[in-house]
């Protein structure tokens, strides 16, 4: 058992911080690599599919915010929605979704392989990480994401339907059950969040990963993970906001001098930096929990 695994068994969070301190520079490079590749492949397809230009792409957040503001005022945003999404080319939707899913699965494998390389060998070779990330588990990660998303969506809709039915009988009871039930539902969802790590690091099949995560992340542990997750998300949100305050002026300056397309790619690259740091910490925590609760002391390292 190496020093990392000892710390994982003793205190997972401290072990995760140790890994994070080692991998975050490499994580930024990995994030930049993914951002460049995904934008090179996906961006032309997205622009054709939505019939957008880069100016629209740069303003997408403000346009969506405008729609949200209209809805909050009980207005009719149909004209804004039609202008933004009304010219969707459905023929390009399937290839776009397929590419997006592949990049998602590959990105998950990339960051777990980066963690595994550091934990098992102390190496953070980008080339070795990229080589190891191209494996059949990408498909398993995609399937997990699809199944888990459907499970979350369907179970939440059933929960909302139940609360709505109770509201017709007793509004106070529905509020109480809705409040308590939401946190119970959330804890159940957290209990499955270790599955991607089990797939990537333990080479589990999808059903085995579901079972591993659910068995090892008990309700008590899920509550602790949830509380820590809230703190981490608040910290990352503050970091992202501060970083965003720096990137917006840079993007506007680039837009004025070079145009909308360079401004968009500049924003994407800057966002990839903060994304790399965030992912380095999140995946380090997930890897630490996996090694803490896994039965074996040594992992299979792909080369």
Protein backbone atom coordinates (compact mmCIF):
# COMPACT_ATOMS: atom_id res chain seq x y z
CA UNK A 1 0.00 0.00 0.00
CA UNK A 2 1.55 3.32 -1.07
CA UNK A 3 1.37 6.58 0.86
CA UNK A 4 -1.75 7.77 -0.92
CA UNK A 5 -3.71 4.61 -0.22
CA UNK A 6 -2.66 4.75 3.44
CA UNK A 7 -4.07 8.26 3.68
CA UNK A 8 -7.23 7.24 1.83
CA UNK A 9 -7.89 4.51 4.39
CA UNK A 10 -7.03 6.80 7.29
CA UNK A 11 -8.55 10.11 6.16
CA UNK A 12 -9.87 10.24 2.60
CA UNK A 13 -10.22 14.01 2.37
CA UNK A 14 -6.59 14.66 3.37
CA UNK A 15 -5.49 12.06 0.84
CA UNK A 16 -7.60 13.72 -1.85
CA UNK A 17 -6.00 17.10 -1.09
CA UNK A 18 -2.55 15.50 -1.39
CA UNK A 19 -3.41 14.15 -4.84
CA UNK A 20 -5.00 17.43 -5.91
CA UNK A 21 -1.85 19.39 -5.05
CA UNK A 22 0.12 17.11 -7.36
CA UNK A 23 -2.22 16.86 -10.32
CA UNK A 24 -3.80 20.30 -10.73
CA UNK A 25 -1.20 21.66 -13.21
CA UNK A 26 -1.56 18.55 -15.36
CA UNK A 27 -5.35 18.76 -14.95
CA UNK A 28 -5.33 22.24 -16.45
CA UNK A 29 -3.40 20.95 -19.47
CA UNK A 30 -5.82 18.04 -19.84
CA UNK A 31 -8.79 20.41 -19.60
CA UNK A 32 -7.30 22.73 -22.22
CA UNK A 33 -6.65 19.76 -24.51
CA UNK A 34 -10.26 18.58 -24.18
CA UNK A 35 -11.59 22.13 -24.70
CA UNK A 36 -9.57 22.63 -27.88
CA UNK A 37 -10.51 19.22 -29.29
CA UNK A 38 -14.21 19.41 -28.38
CA UNK A 39 -14.61 22.95 -29.73
CA UNK A 40 -12.79 22.05 -32.93
CA UNK A 41 -15.10 19.08 -33.52
CA UNK A 42 -18.38 20.20 -31.97
CA UNK A 43 -18.48 23.93 -32.59
CA UNK A 44 -18.97 23.88 -36.39
CA UNK A 45 -21.67 21.23 -35.91
CA UNK A 46 -23.41 23.27 -33.19
CA UNK A 47 -23.42 26.45 -35.27
CA UNK A 48 -24.92 24.62 -38.25
CA UNK A 49 -27.43 22.74 -36.13
CA UNK A 50 -28.75 25.84 -34.34
CA UNK A 51 -28.19 28.24 -37.25
CA UNK A 52 -26.21 30.50 -34.91
CA UNK A 53 -23.14 32.64 -35.41
CA UNK A 54 -20.39 33.35 -32.89
CA UNK A 55 -22.06 36.61 -31.86
CA UNK A 56 -25.16 34.67 -30.80
CA UNK A 57 -22.97 32.09 -29.06
CA UNK A 58 -21.23 34.79 -27.03
CA UNK A 59 -24.59 36.21 -25.97
CA UNK A 60 -26.30 32.89 -25.20
CA UNK A 61 -26.21 33.32 -21.43
CA UNK A 62 -27.70 36.81 -21.55
CA UNK A 63 -30.40 35.65 -24.00
CA UNK A 64 -31.38 32.75 -21.74
CA UNK A 65 -31.40 35.13 -18.79
CA UNK A 66 -33.77 37.40 -20.74
CA UNK A 67 -36.13 34.45 -21.26
CA UNK A 68 -35.94 33.62 -17.55
CA UNK A 69 -36.74 37.22 -16.61
CA UNK A 70 -39.81 37.22 -18.88
CA UNK A 71 -41.05 33.99 -17.29
CA UNK A 72 -40.56 35.41 -13.80
CA UNK A 73 -42.78 38.33 -14.77
CA UNK A 74 -45.44 35.91 -16.11
CA UNK A 75 -44.73 37.11 -19.63
CA UNK A 76 -44.71 35.23 -22.92
CA UNK A 77 -41.14 34.42 -24.06
CA UNK A 78 -42.23 32.47 -27.15
CA UNK A 79 -40.77 35.05 -29.55
CA UNK A 80 -37.38 34.97 -27.80
CA UNK A 81 -37.40 31.15 -27.65
CA UNK A 82 -38.33 30.94 -31.33
CA UNK A 83 -35.54 33.35 -32.29
CA UNK A 84 -32.98 31.37 -30.32
CA UNK A 85 -34.04 27.76 -30.88
CA UNK A 86 -36.60 27.90 -33.68
CA UNK A 87 -34.25 27.00 -36.54
CA UNK A 88 -32.92 23.73 -35.11
CA UNK A 89 -31.62 21.33 -37.77
CA UNK A 90 -32.81 17.96 -36.42
CA UNK A 91 -30.68 16.02 -38.90
CA UNK A 92 -27.56 17.18 -37.06
CA UNK A 93 -28.94 16.59 -33.57
CA UNK A 94 -28.09 12.89 -33.32
CA UNK A 95 -24.43 13.21 -34.41
CA UNK A 96 -24.02 16.21 -32.10
CA UNK A 97 -25.41 14.28 -29.12
CA UNK A 98 -23.28 11.23 -29.98
CA UNK A 99 -20.09 13.32 -30.10
CA UNK A 100 -21.04 15.11 -26.88
CA UNK A 101 -21.61 11.79 -25.10
CA UNK A 102 -18.28 10.41 -26.31
CA UNK A 103 -16.43 13.51 -25.11
CA UNK A 104 -18.20 13.27 -21.75
CA UNK A 105 -17.20 9.62 -21.27
CA UNK A 106 -13.66 10.26 -22.46
CA UNK A 107 -13.30 13.29 -20.17
CA UNK A 108 -14.35 11.21 -17.16
CA UNK A 109 -11.80 8.54 -18.04
CA UNK A 110 -9.11 11.17 -18.62
CA UNK A 111 -9.39 12.67 -15.17
CA UNK A 112 -9.63 9.32 -13.42
CA UNK A 113 -6.59 8.06 -15.34
CA UNK A 114 -4.71 11.19 -14.30
CA UNK A 115 -5.53 10.38 -10.67
CA UNK A 116 -4.62 6.74 -11.07
CA UNK A 117 -1.28 7.50 -12.69
CA UNK A 118 -0.37 9.80 -9.79
CA UNK A 119 -1.67 7.46 -7.08
CA UNK A 120 -0.08 4.28 -8.42
CA UNK A 121 3.17 5.56 -9.97
CA UNK A 122 3.64 9.19 -8.94
CA UNK A 123 3.69 10.04 -12.66
CA UNK A 124 1.58 12.71 -14.34
CA UNK A 125 2.61 12.11 -17.96
CA UNK A 126 -0.07 13.66 -20.17
CA UNK A 127 0.76 11.28 -23.01
CA UNK A 128 0.34 8.21 -20.79
CA UNK A 129 -2.91 9.57 -19.37
CA UNK A 130 -4.38 10.24 -22.82
CA UNK A 131 -3.30 6.82 -24.08
CA UNK A 132 -4.84 5.05 -21.07
CA UNK A 133 -8.05 7.07 -21.33
CA UNK A 134 -9.00 5.62 -24.72
CA UNK A 135 -10.57 2.38 -23.58
CA UNK A 136 -13.87 0.49 -23.73
CA UNK A 137 -14.92 1.93 -20.37
CA UNK A 138 -15.83 5.18 -22.16
CA UNK A 139 -18.96 3.38 -23.39
CA UNK A 140 -19.70 2.18 -19.85
CA UNK A 141 -19.33 5.73 -18.52
CA UNK A 142 -21.77 6.98 -21.17
CA UNK A 143 -24.28 4.22 -20.37
CA UNK A 144 -24.01 5.01 -16.66
CA UNK A 145 -24.64 8.70 -17.32
CA UNK A 146 -27.71 7.93 -19.46
CA UNK A 147 -29.19 5.35 -17.06
CA UNK A 148 -28.48 7.43 -13.95
CA UNK A 149 -29.91 10.59 -15.56
CA UNK A 150 -33.09 8.73 -16.52
CA UNK A 151 -33.32 7.23 -13.04
CA UNK A 152 -32.89 10.64 -11.44
CA UNK A 153 -35.42 12.31 -13.73
CA UNK A 154 -38.11 9.62 -13.46
CA UNK A 155 -37.75 9.19 -9.69
CA UNK A 156 -37.90 12.95 -9.14
CA UNK A 157 -40.99 13.32 -11.32
CA UNK A 158 -42.71 10.51 -9.40
CA UNK A 159 -41.77 12.22 -6.15
CA UNK A 160 -43.17 15.56 -7.34
CA UNK A 161 -46.36 13.81 -8.52
CA UNK A 162 -46.76 12.19 -5.10
CA UNK A 163 -46.33 15.53 -3.32
CA UNK A 164 -48.82 17.17 -5.70
CA UNK A 165 -51.37 14.43 -4.96
CA UNK A 166 -50.86 14.87 -1.21
CA UNK A 167 -51.32 18.62 -1.59
CA UNK A 168 -54.91 18.00 -2.69
CA UNK A 169 -55.53 16.08 0.53
CA UNK A 170 -53.51 18.03 3.07
CA UNK A 171 -51.26 20.94 2.07
CA UNK A 172 -49.33 20.98 5.37
CA UNK A 173 -48.63 17.25 5.11
CA UNK A 174 -47.48 17.63 1.51
CA UNK A 175 -45.05 20.41 2.48
CA UNK A 176 -43.62 18.31 5.32
CA UNK A 177 -43.27 15.16 3.23
CA UNK A 178 -41.95 17.18 0.29
CA UNK A 179 -39.25 18.80 2.42
CA UNK A 180 -38.12 15.59 4.12
CA UNK A 181 -38.63 13.49 1.01
CA UNK A 182 -36.45 15.72 -1.14
CA UNK A 183 -33.45 15.21 1.15
CA UNK A 184 -34.09 11.46 1.32
CA UNK A 185 -34.24 11.37 -2.51
CA UNK A 186 -31.04 13.45 -2.71
CA UNK A 187 -29.20 11.09 -0.33
CA UNK A 188 -30.29 8.14 -2.46
CA UNK A 189 -28.83 9.82 -5.55
CA UNK A 190 -25.56 10.59 -3.76
CA UNK A 191 -25.23 6.91 -2.90
CA UNK A 192 -24.68 6.14 -6.60
CA UNK A 193 -22.09 8.86 -7.31
CA UNK A 194 -19.09 6.59 -6.70
CA UNK A 195 -20.04 4.39 -9.66
CA UNK A 196 -17.96 6.28 -12.29
CA UNK A 197 -14.86 5.89 -10.11
CA UNK A 198 -15.55 2.16 -9.74
CA UNK A 199 -15.88 1.86 -13.53
CA UNK A 200 -12.67 3.79 -14.25
CA UNK A 201 -10.43 2.70 -11.38
CA UNK A 202 -11.81 -0.74 -10.55
CA UNK A 203 -12.84 -1.67 -14.11
CA UNK A 204 -16.31 -2.62 -12.84
CA UNK A 205 -19.21 -3.34 -15.13
CA UNK A 206 -22.08 -0.84 -14.89
CA UNK A 207 -24.32 -2.98 -12.68
CA UNK A 208 -21.35 -3.84 -10.44
CA UNK A 209 -20.45 -0.15 -10.17
CA UNK A 210 -24.01 0.74 -9.16
CA UNK A 211 -23.95 -1.97 -6.49
CA UNK A 212 -20.46 -1.04 -5.23
CA UNK A 213 -21.39 2.61 -4.83
CA UNK A 214 -24.75 1.93 -3.18
CA UNK A 215 -23.27 -0.60 -0.73
CA UNK A 216 -20.34 1.58 0.33
CA UNK A 217 -21.96 5.02 0.38
CA UNK A 218 -24.42 4.50 3.23
CA UNK A 219 -27.01 7.12 4.17
CA UNK A 220 -24.67 8.46 6.87
CA UNK A 221 -21.77 8.68 4.45
CA UNK A 222 -24.05 10.20 1.79
CA UNK A 223 -25.04 12.92 4.26
CA UNK A 224 -21.38 13.67 4.98
CA UNK A 225 -20.53 13.69 1.27
CA UNK A 226 -23.48 15.99 0.65
CA UNK A 227 -22.43 18.47 3.33
CA UNK A 228 -18.82 18.49 2.12
CA UNK A 229 -20.09 18.79 -1.45
CA UNK A 230 -22.12 21.89 -0.57
CA UNK A 231 -19.05 23.54 0.95
CA UNK A 232 -16.91 22.56 -2.05
CA UNK A 233 -19.52 23.80 -4.53
CA UNK A 234 -19.78 27.13 -2.73
CA UNK A 235 -16.00 27.47 -2.84
CA UNK A 236 -15.88 26.56 -6.53
CA UNK A 237 -18.73 28.97 -7.27
CA UNK A 238 -16.84 31.81 -5.57
CA UNK A 239 -13.69 30.86 -7.47
CA UNK A 240 -15.60 30.69 -10.76
CA UNK A 241 -17.26 34.05 -10.13
CA UNK A 242 -13.93 35.69 -9.35
CA UNK A 243 -12.34 34.12 -12.41
CA UNK A 244 -15.36 35.08 -14.52
CA UNK A 245 -14.99 38.71 -13.45
CA UNK A 246 -11.52 38.58 -15.01
CA UNK A 247 -12.45 36.70 -18.18
CA UNK A 248 -15.41 38.88 -19.22
CA UNK A 249 -13.32 42.05 -19.75
CA UNK A 250 -10.69 40.00 -21.59
CA UNK A 251 -13.33 38.47 -23.87
CA UNK A 252 -14.88 41.87 -24.58
CA UNK A 253 -11.48 43.31 -25.42
CA UNK A 254 -10.71 40.40 -27.78
CA UNK A 255 -14.16 40.76 -29.37
CA UNK A 256 -13.59 44.44 -30.13
CA UNK A 257 -10.13 43.90 -31.56
CA UNK A 258 -10.42 40.51 -33.30
CA UNK A 259 -14.11 39.66 -33.57
CA UNK A 260 -16.69 37.33 -32.05
CA UNK A 261 -15.03 33.99 -32.94
CA UNK A 262 -11.66 34.70 -31.26
CA UNK A 263 -13.57 36.10 -28.25
CA UNK A 264 -15.57 32.90 -27.94
CA UNK A 265 -12.52 30.62 -28.11
CA UNK A 266 -10.66 32.85 -25.66
CA UNK A 267 -13.54 32.50 -23.21
CA UNK A 268 -13.60 28.73 -23.69
CA UNK A 269 -9.88 28.40 -23.02
CA UNK A 270 -10.07 30.58 -19.92
CA UNK A 271 -13.05 28.58 -18.67
CA UNK A 272 -11.08 25.38 -19.30
CA UNK A 273 -8.45 26.57 -16.82
CA UNK A 274 -10.93 26.95 -13.98
CA UNK A 275 -12.64 23.76 -15.14
CA UNK A 276 -9.34 21.89 -14.92
CA UNK A 277 -8.77 23.04 -11.34
CA UNK A 278 -12.35 22.19 -10.34
CA UNK A 279 -12.22 18.77 -11.97
CA UNK A 280 -8.85 18.01 -10.42
CA UNK A 281 -10.32 18.46 -6.95
CA UNK A 282 -13.66 16.72 -7.61
CA UNK A 283 -12.08 13.68 -9.27
CA UNK A 284 -9.36 13.47 -6.61
CA UNK A 285 -12.07 13.33 -3.93
CA UNK A 286 -13.97 10.68 -5.86
CA UNK A 287 -10.84 8.58 -6.42
CA UNK A 288 -9.95 8.88 -2.72
CA UNK A 289 -13.38 7.59 -1.72
CA UNK A 290 -13.12 4.71 -4.15
CA UNK A 291 -9.76 3.57 -2.79
CA UNK A 292 -10.99 4.06 0.77
CA UNK A 293 -13.91 1.68 0.33
CA UNK A 294 -12.51 -0.77 -2.24
CA UNK A 295 -11.39 -4.17 -0.98
CA UNK A 296 -8.11 -4.29 -2.89
CA UNK A 297 -5.03 -2.24 -2.00
CA UNK A 298 -3.58 -2.16 -5.47
CA UNK A 299 -5.31 -1.09 -8.66
CA UNK A 300 -4.77 -2.33 -12.19
CA UNK A 301 -2.87 0.35 -14.05
CA UNK A 302 -3.27 0.50 -17.79
CA UNK A 303 -0.24 1.42 -19.87
